[in-house]
């Protein structure tokens, strides 16, 4: 889904849609925390 957005950027800038950027930042934060969680458990 995010790769599709990167390959086909919307006509509107990301600043015009703060919720989308918030979702992307939340997704990155969750993926990083999940990676660190798995690393500590390993």
PDB file of N, CA and C in Angstrom:
ATOM      1  N   UNK A   1       0.829  -1.189   0.000  1.00  0.00           N
ATOM      2  CA  UNK A   1       0.000   0.000   0.000  1.00  0.00           C
ATOM      3  C   UNK A   1       0.872   1.251   0.000  1.00  0.00           C
ATOM      4  N   UNK A   2       1.903   1.259   0.878  1.00  0.00           N
ATOM      5  CA  UNK A   2       2.782   2.427   0.923  1.00  0.00           C
ATOM      6  C   UNK A   2       3.661   2.494  -0.322  1.00  0.00           C
ATOM      7  N   UNK A   3       4.073   1.307  -0.841  1.00  0.00           N
ATOM      8  CA  UNK A   3       4.882   1.315  -2.056  1.00  0.00           C
ATOM      9  C   UNK A   3       4.065   1.856  -3.225  1.00  0.00           C
ATOM     10  N   UNK A   4       2.794   1.514  -3.247  1.00  0.00           N
ATOM     11  CA  UNK A   4       1.927   2.025  -4.312  1.00  0.00           C
ATOM     12  C   UNK A   4       1.830   3.544  -4.226  1.00  0.00           C
ATOM     13  N   UNK A   5       1.767   4.067  -3.001  1.00  0.00           N
ATOM     14  CA  UNK A   5       1.706   5.520  -2.840  1.00  0.00           C
ATOM     15  C   UNK A   5       3.010   6.159  -3.285  1.00  0.00           C
ATOM     16  N   UNK A   6       4.136   5.476  -3.026  1.00  0.00           N
ATOM     17  CA  UNK A   6       5.418   6.034  -3.418  1.00  0.00           C
ATOM     18  C   UNK A   6       5.578   6.004  -4.936  1.00  0.00           C
ATOM     19  N   UNK A   7       5.119   4.913  -5.556  1.00  0.00           N
ATOM     20  CA  UNK A   7       5.257   4.808  -7.005  1.00  0.00           C
ATOM     21  C   UNK A   7       4.277   5.743  -7.714  1.00  0.00           C
ATOM     22  N   UNK A   8       3.069   5.866  -7.163  1.00  0.00           N
ATOM     23  CA  UNK A   8       2.060   6.748  -7.759  1.00  0.00           C
ATOM     24  C   UNK A   8       1.682   7.812  -6.729  1.00  0.00           C
ATOM     25  N   UNK A   9       2.483   8.875  -6.621  1.00  0.00           N
ATOM     26  CA  UNK A   9       2.177   9.903  -5.622  1.00  0.00           C
ATOM     27  C   UNK A   9       0.870  10.612  -5.957  1.00  0.00           C
ATOM     28  N   UNK A  10       0.102  10.966  -4.947  1.00  0.00           N
ATOM     29  CA  UNK A  10      -1.155  11.672  -5.194  1.00  0.00           C
ATOM     30  C   UNK A  10      -0.896  13.067  -5.739  1.00  0.00           C
ATOM     31  N   UNK A  11      -1.909  13.632  -6.353  1.00  0.00           N
ATOM     32  CA  UNK A  11      -1.757  14.969  -6.925  1.00  0.00           C
ATOM     33  C   UNK A  11      -1.578  16.002  -5.814  1.00  0.00           C
ATOM     34  N   UNK A  12      -2.239  15.750  -4.672  1.00  0.00           N
ATOM     35  CA  UNK A  12      -2.098  16.675  -3.556  1.00  0.00           C
ATOM     36  C   UNK A  12      -0.780  16.426  -2.836  1.00  0.00           C
ATOM     37  N   UNK A  13      -0.136  17.471  -2.324  1.00  0.00           N
ATOM     38  CA  UNK A  13       1.072  17.274  -1.519  1.00  0.00           C
ATOM     39  C   UNK A  13       0.730  16.603  -0.199  1.00  0.00           C
ATOM     40  N   UNK A  14       1.748  15.992   0.426  1.00  0.00           N
ATOM     41  CA  UNK A  14       1.501  15.296   1.679  1.00  0.00           C
ATOM     42  C   UNK A  14       1.089  16.274   2.778  1.00  0.00           C
ATOM     43  N   UNK A  15       1.519  17.514   2.663  1.00  0.00           N
ATOM     44  CA  UNK A  15       1.172  18.497   3.688  1.00  0.00           C
ATOM     45  C   UNK A  15      -0.332  18.767   3.692  1.00  0.00           C
ATOM     46  N   UNK A  16      -0.975  18.586   2.557  1.00  0.00           N
ATOM     47  CA  UNK A  16      -2.410  18.831   2.487  1.00  0.00           C
ATOM     48  C   UNK A  16      -3.190  17.720   3.189  1.00  0.00           C
ATOM     49  N   UNK A  17      -2.539  16.592   3.454  1.00  0.00           N
ATOM     50  CA  UNK A  17      -3.205  15.476   4.128  1.00  0.00           C
ATOM     51  C   UNK A  17      -2.376  15.076   5.341  1.00  0.00           C
ATOM     52  N   UNK A  18      -2.525  15.782   6.468  1.00  0.00           N
ATOM     53  CA  UNK A  18      -1.706  15.479   7.648  1.00  0.00           C
ATOM     54  C   UNK A  18      -1.984  14.092   8.208  1.00  0.00           C
ATOM     55  N   UNK A  19      -3.213  13.596   8.030  1.00  0.00           N
ATOM     56  CA  UNK A  19      -3.543  12.284   8.578  1.00  0.00           C
ATOM     57  C   UNK A  19      -2.748  11.181   7.883  1.00  0.00           C
ATOM     58  N   UNK A  20      -2.490  11.357   6.577  1.00  0.00           N
ATOM     59  CA  UNK A  20      -1.721  10.356   5.839  1.00  0.00           C
ATOM     60  C   UNK A  20      -0.290  10.315   6.346  1.00  0.00           C
ATOM     61  N   UNK A  21       0.313  11.475   6.528  1.00  0.00           N
ATOM     62  CA  UNK A  21       1.687  11.503   7.039  1.00  0.00           C
ATOM     63  C   UNK A  21       1.733  10.947   8.453  1.00  0.00           C
ATOM     64  N   UNK A  22       0.697  11.206   9.240  1.00  0.00           N
ATOM     65  CA  UNK A  22       0.648  10.664  10.599  1.00  0.00           C
ATOM     66  C   UNK A  22       0.585   9.144  10.556  1.00  0.00           C
ATOM     67  N   UNK A  23      -0.220   8.605   9.632  1.00  0.00           N
ATOM     68  CA  UNK A  23      -0.318   7.147   9.500  1.00  0.00           C
ATOM     69  C   UNK A  23       1.012   6.561   9.077  1.00  0.00           C
ATOM     70  N   UNK A  24       1.728   7.237   8.176  1.00  0.00           N
ATOM     71  CA  UNK A  24       3.026   6.733   7.725  1.00  0.00           C
ATOM     72  C   UNK A  24       4.025   6.746   8.880  1.00  0.00           C
ATOM     73  N   UNK A  25       4.018   7.835   9.664  1.00  0.00           N
ATOM     74  CA  UNK A  25       4.938   7.905  10.806  1.00  0.00           C
ATOM     75  C   UNK A  25       4.585   6.851  11.841  1.00  0.00           C
ATOM     76  N   UNK A  26       3.289   6.632  12.070  1.00  0.00           N
ATOM     77  CA  UNK A  26       2.872   5.617  13.029  1.00  0.00           C
ATOM     78  C   UNK A  26       3.278   4.229  12.542  1.00  0.00           C
ATOM     79  N   UNK A  27       3.114   3.976  11.239  1.00  0.00           N
ATOM     80  CA  UNK A  27       3.493   2.686  10.673  1.00  0.00           C
ATOM     81  C   UNK A  27       4.992   2.448  10.821  1.00  0.00           C
ATOM     82  N   UNK A  28       5.809   3.476  10.563  1.00  0.00           N
ATOM     83  CA  UNK A  28       7.256   3.345  10.712  1.00  0.00           C
ATOM     84  C   UNK A  28       7.627   3.096  12.163  1.00  0.00           C
ATOM     85  N   UNK A  29       6.983   3.814  13.076  1.00  0.00           N
ATOM     86  CA  UNK A  29       7.278   3.656  14.503  1.00  0.00           C
ATOM     87  C   UNK A  29       6.917   2.253  14.963  1.00  0.00           C
ATOM     88  N   UNK A  30       5.770   1.750  14.513  1.00  0.00           N
ATOM     89  CA  UNK A  30       5.353   0.411  14.911  1.00  0.00           C
ATOM     90  C   UNK A  30       6.298  -0.643  14.351  1.00  0.00           C
ATOM     91  N   UNK A  31       6.741  -0.477  13.127  1.00  0.00           N
ATOM     92  CA  UNK A  31       7.649  -1.456  12.531  1.00  0.00           C
ATOM     93  C   UNK A  31       8.991  -1.438  13.246  1.00  0.00           C
ATOM     94  N   UNK A  32       9.482  -0.252  13.598  1.00  0.00           N
ATOM     95  CA  UNK A  32      10.763  -0.162  14.306  1.00  0.00           C
ATOM     96  C   UNK A  32      10.644  -0.762  15.696  1.00  0.00           C
ATOM     97  N   UNK A  33       9.564  -0.482  16.399  1.00  0.00           N
ATOM     98  CA  UNK A  33       9.400  -1.029  17.745  1.00  0.00           C
ATOM     99  C   UNK A  33       9.236  -2.550  17.678  1.00  0.00           C
ATOM    100  N   UNK A  34       8.559  -3.040  16.660  1.00  0.00           N
ATOM    101  CA  UNK A  34       8.396  -4.481  16.516  1.00  0.00           C
ATOM    102  C   UNK A  34       9.737  -5.149  16.238  1.00  0.00           C
ATOM    103  N   UNK A  35      10.561  -4.516  15.400  1.00  0.00           N
ATOM    104  CA  UNK A  35      11.887  -5.059  15.114  1.00  0.00           C
ATOM    105  C   UNK A  35      12.729  -5.121  16.383  1.00  0.00           C
ATOM    106  N   UNK A  36      12.732  -4.039  17.163  1.00  0.00           N
ATOM    107  CA  UNK A  36      13.523  -4.018  18.390  1.00  0.00           C
ATOM    108  C   UNK A  36      12.981  -5.052  19.384  1.00  0.00           C
ATOM    109  N   UNK A  37      11.663  -5.225  19.419  1.00  0.00           N
ATOM    110  CA  UNK A  37      11.055  -6.195  20.325  1.00  0.00           C
ATOM    111  C   UNK A  37      11.485  -7.616  19.957  1.00  0.00           C
ATOM    112  N   UNK A  38      11.486  -7.909  18.665  1.00  0.00           N
ATOM    113  CA  UNK A  38      11.905  -9.237  18.228  1.00  0.00           C
ATOM    114  C   UNK A  38      13.393  -9.446  18.474  1.00  0.00           C
ATOM    115  N   UNK A  39      14.191  -8.386  18.314  1.00  0.00           N
ATOM    116  CA  UNK A  39      15.633  -8.513  18.537  1.00  0.00           C
ATOM    117  C   UNK A  39      15.920  -8.784  20.011  1.00  0.00           C
ATOM    118  N   UNK A  40      15.194  -8.135  20.908  1.00  0.00           N
ATOM    119  CA  UNK A  40      15.442  -8.336  22.339  1.00  0.00           C
ATOM    120  C   UNK A  40      14.991  -9.727  22.763  1.00  0.00           C
ATOM    121  N   UNK A  41      13.954 -10.253  22.143  1.00  0.00           N
ATOM    122  CA  UNK A  41      13.477 -11.590  22.516  1.00  0.00           C
ATOM    123  C   UNK A  41      14.372 -12.683  21.940  1.00  0.00           C
ATOM    124  N   UNK A  42      15.033 -12.415  20.822  1.00  0.00           N
ATOM    125  CA  UNK A  42      15.853 -13.444  20.177  1.00  0.00           C
ATOM    126  C   UNK A  42      17.060 -13.802  21.044  1.00  0.00           C
TER     127      UNK A  42
END
